[in-house]
Amino acid sequence: MQSPLAVRFQARNNRVGFGRSCKSNLLTMPYLQALRDAQEALGLHNDVGVAAEAFRLDAGLHPESWFAAGYLKAHLGVTARAGRRALSRLAKTPVFWPR
């Protein structure tokens, strides 16, 4: 029986090996790029939402925060559309694993 540390080390090596094989394979590149774009768009949408809420909560002490909160709240629609477009492109991108 392997030690827990050895199991973790082996699992890590398997993930690293899988990642290297994916990066080197040209079939994976379109999917990984679409995935990267989707993650970036959704991350930005989340960041804008969190910032809008933070400014809204801060507006009680600093009234000038209302401007930033309103701007970011309006910008959420833009980032939501960008996220939907990125996810749509990801859904249309061919996958590299067998189905």
C-alpha atoms as a PDB file:
ATOM      1  CA  MET A   1       0.000   0.000   0.000  1.00  0.00           C
ATOM      2  CA  GLN A   2       1.327   3.414  -0.973  1.00  0.00           C
ATOM      3  CA  SER A   3       1.600   6.284   1.437  1.00  0.00           C
ATOM      4  CA  PRO A   4      -0.848   9.175   1.032  1.00  0.00           C
ATOM      5  CA  LEU A   5       2.042  11.421  -0.028  1.00  0.00           C
ATOM      6  CA  ALA A   6       3.075   8.975  -2.763  1.00  0.00           C
ATOM      7  CA  VAL A   7      -0.506   8.796  -4.026  1.00  0.00           C
ATOM      8  CA  ARG A   8      -0.754  12.601  -4.143  1.00  0.00           C
ATOM      9  CA  PHE A   9       2.597  12.819  -5.937  1.00  0.00           C
ATOM     10  CA  GLN A  10       1.533  10.225  -8.509  1.00  0.00           C
ATOM     11  CA  ALA A  11      -1.799  12.002  -9.096  1.00  0.00           C
ATOM     12  CA  ARG A  12       0.022  15.310  -9.569  1.00  0.00           C
ATOM     13  CA  ASN A  13       2.399  13.753 -12.078  1.00  0.00           C
ATOM     14  CA  ASN A  14      -0.536  12.273 -13.983  1.00  0.00           C
ATOM     15  CA  ARG A  15      -2.216  15.698 -14.192  1.00  0.00           C
ATOM     16  CA  VAL A  16       1.000  17.362 -15.320  1.00  0.00           C
ATOM     17  CA  GLY A  17       1.557  14.669 -17.939  1.00  0.00           C
ATOM     18  CA  PHE A  18      -2.007  15.039 -19.221  1.00  0.00           C
ATOM     19  CA  GLY A  19      -1.607  18.805 -19.414  1.00  0.00           C
ATOM     20  CA  ARG A  20       1.638  18.502 -21.355  1.00  0.00           C
ATOM     21  CA  SER A  21       0.126  16.021 -23.784  1.00  0.00           C
ATOM     22  CA  CYS A  22      -2.849  18.324 -24.338  1.00  0.00           C
ATOM     23  CA  LYS A  23      -0.689  21.364 -24.950  1.00  0.00           C
ATOM     24  CA  SER A  24       1.488  19.575 -27.443  1.00  0.00           C
ATOM     25  CA  ASN A  25      -1.397  18.144 -29.458  1.00  0.00           C
ATOM     26  CA  LEU A  26      -2.664  20.457 -32.192  1.00  0.00           C
ATOM     27  CA  LEU A  27      -6.143  18.950 -31.943  1.00  0.00           C
ATOM     28  CA  THR A  28      -6.541  20.307 -28.430  1.00  0.00           C
ATOM     29  CA  MET A  29      -5.473  23.866 -29.119  1.00  0.00           C
ATOM     30  CA  PRO A  30      -8.807  25.230 -30.484  1.00  0.00           C
ATOM     31  CA  TYR A  31     -10.723  23.739 -27.556  1.00  0.00           C
ATOM     32  CA  LEU A  32      -8.233  24.980 -24.960  1.00  0.00           C
ATOM     33  CA  GLN A  33      -8.290  28.468 -26.485  1.00  0.00           C
ATOM     34  CA  ALA A  34     -12.101  28.556 -26.437  1.00  0.00           C
ATOM     35  CA  LEU A  35     -12.053  27.288 -22.843  1.00  0.00           C
ATOM     36  CA  ARG A  36      -9.512  29.936 -21.864  1.00  0.00           C
ATOM     37  CA  ASP A  37     -11.636  32.662 -23.471  1.00  0.00           C
ATOM     38  CA  ALA A  38     -14.768  31.431 -21.672  1.00  0.00           C
ATOM     39  CA  GLN A  39     -12.990  31.314 -18.321  1.00  0.00           C
ATOM     40  CA  GLU A  40     -11.639  34.816 -18.864  1.00  0.00           C
ATOM     41  CA  ALA A  41     -15.060  36.228 -19.806  1.00  0.00           C
ATOM     42  CA  LEU A  42     -16.825  34.562 -16.886  1.00  0.00           C
ATOM     43  CA  GLY A  43     -14.089  35.628 -14.487  1.00  0.00           C
ATOM     44  CA  LEU A  44     -14.438  39.241 -15.618  1.00  0.00           C
ATOM     45  CA  HIS A  45     -18.218  39.057 -15.198  1.00  0.00           C
ATOM     46  CA  ASN A  46     -17.763  37.741 -11.663  1.00  0.00           C
ATOM     47  CA  ASP A  47     -15.184  40.434 -10.854  1.00  0.00           C
ATOM     48  CA  VAL A  48     -17.505  43.196 -12.065  1.00  0.00           C
ATOM     49  CA  GLY A  49     -20.411  41.798 -10.043  1.00  0.00           C
ATOM     50  CA  VAL A  50     -18.340  41.550  -6.866  1.00  0.00           C
ATOM     51  CA  ALA A  51     -16.948  45.060  -7.367  1.00  0.00           C
ATOM     52  CA  ALA A  52     -20.430  46.502  -7.985  1.00  0.00           C
ATOM     53  CA  GLU A  53     -21.686  44.981  -4.741  1.00  0.00           C
ATOM     54  CA  ALA A  54     -18.617  46.189  -2.818  1.00  0.00           C
ATOM     55  CA  PHE A  55     -19.109  49.756  -4.057  1.00  0.00           C
ATOM     56  CA  ARG A  56     -22.831  49.576  -3.268  1.00  0.00           C
ATOM     57  CA  LEU A  57     -22.077  48.545   0.298  1.00  0.00           C
ATOM     58  CA  ASP A  58     -19.399  51.229   0.581  1.00  0.00           C
ATOM     59  CA  ALA A  59     -21.801  53.943  -0.555  1.00  0.00           C
ATOM     60  CA  GLY A  60     -23.196  54.303   2.955  1.00  0.00           C
ATOM     61  CA  LEU A  61     -19.894  55.773   4.107  1.00  0.00           C
ATOM     62  CA  HIS A  62     -18.716  57.257   0.815  1.00  0.00           C
ATOM     63  CA  PRO A  63     -21.559  58.615  -1.336  1.00  0.00           C
ATOM     64  CA  GLU A  64     -19.238  58.976  -4.331  1.00  0.00           C
ATOM     65  CA  SER A  65     -19.193  55.164  -4.488  1.00  0.00           C
ATOM     66  CA  TRP A  66     -22.719  55.258  -5.937  1.00  0.00           C
ATOM     67  CA  PHE A  67     -21.283  56.345  -9.285  1.00  0.00           C
ATOM     68  CA  ALA A  68     -18.925  53.345  -9.457  1.00  0.00           C
ATOM     69  CA  ALA A  69     -21.662  50.997  -8.238  1.00  0.00           C
ATOM     70  CA  GLY A  70     -24.081  52.234 -10.899  1.00  0.00           C
ATOM     71  CA  TYR A  71     -21.508  52.107 -13.655  1.00  0.00           C
ATOM     72  CA  LEU A  72     -20.457  48.567 -12.767  1.00  0.00           C
ATOM     73  CA  LYS A  73     -24.066  47.424 -12.405  1.00  0.00           C
ATOM     74  CA  ALA A  74     -24.778  48.714 -15.920  1.00  0.00           C
ATOM     75  CA  HIS A  75     -21.581  47.080 -17.184  1.00  0.00           C
ATOM     76  CA  LEU A  76     -22.787  43.678 -15.931  1.00  0.00           C
ATOM     77  CA  GLY A  77     -24.995  43.402 -19.015  1.00  0.00           C
ATOM     78  CA  VAL A  78     -21.967  43.844 -21.268  1.00  0.00           C
ATOM     79  CA  THR A  79     -19.929  41.233 -19.428  1.00  0.00           C
ATOM     80  CA  ALA A  80     -22.877  38.819 -19.332  1.00  0.00           C
ATOM     81  CA  ARG A  81     -23.250  39.024 -23.113  1.00  0.00           C
ATOM     82  CA  ALA A  82     -19.506  38.488 -23.559  1.00  0.00           C
ATOM     83  CA  GLY A  83     -19.701  35.448 -21.290  1.00  0.00           C
ATOM     84  CA  ARG A  84     -22.639  34.013 -23.234  1.00  0.00           C
ATOM     85  CA  ARG A  85     -20.806  34.509 -26.536  1.00  0.00           C
ATOM     86  CA  ALA A  86     -17.673  32.839 -25.161  1.00  0.00           C
ATOM     87  CA  LEU A  87     -19.678  29.887 -23.827  1.00  0.00           C
ATOM     88  CA  SER A  88     -21.507  29.594 -27.139  1.00  0.00           C
ATOM     89  CA  ARG A  89     -18.177  29.455 -28.995  1.00  0.00           C
ATOM     90  CA  LEU A  90     -16.929  26.857 -26.514  1.00  0.00           C
ATOM     91  CA  ALA A  91     -20.036  24.732 -27.073  1.00  0.00           C
ATOM     92  CA  LYS A  92     -19.485  24.833 -30.846  1.00  0.00           C
ATOM     93  CA  THR A  93     -15.774  23.975 -30.623  1.00  0.00           C
ATOM     94  CA  PRO A  94     -15.016  20.335 -31.429  1.00  0.00           C
ATOM     95  CA  VAL A  95     -13.781  18.347 -28.452  1.00  0.00           C
ATOM     96  CA  PHE A  96     -10.559  16.359 -28.619  1.00  0.00           C
ATOM     97  CA  TRP A  97     -11.652  13.354 -26.587  1.00  0.00           C
ATOM     98  CA  PRO A  98     -13.682  10.465 -27.971  1.00  0.00           C
ATOM     99  CA  ARG A  99     -17.399  10.595 -27.247  1.00  0.00           C
END
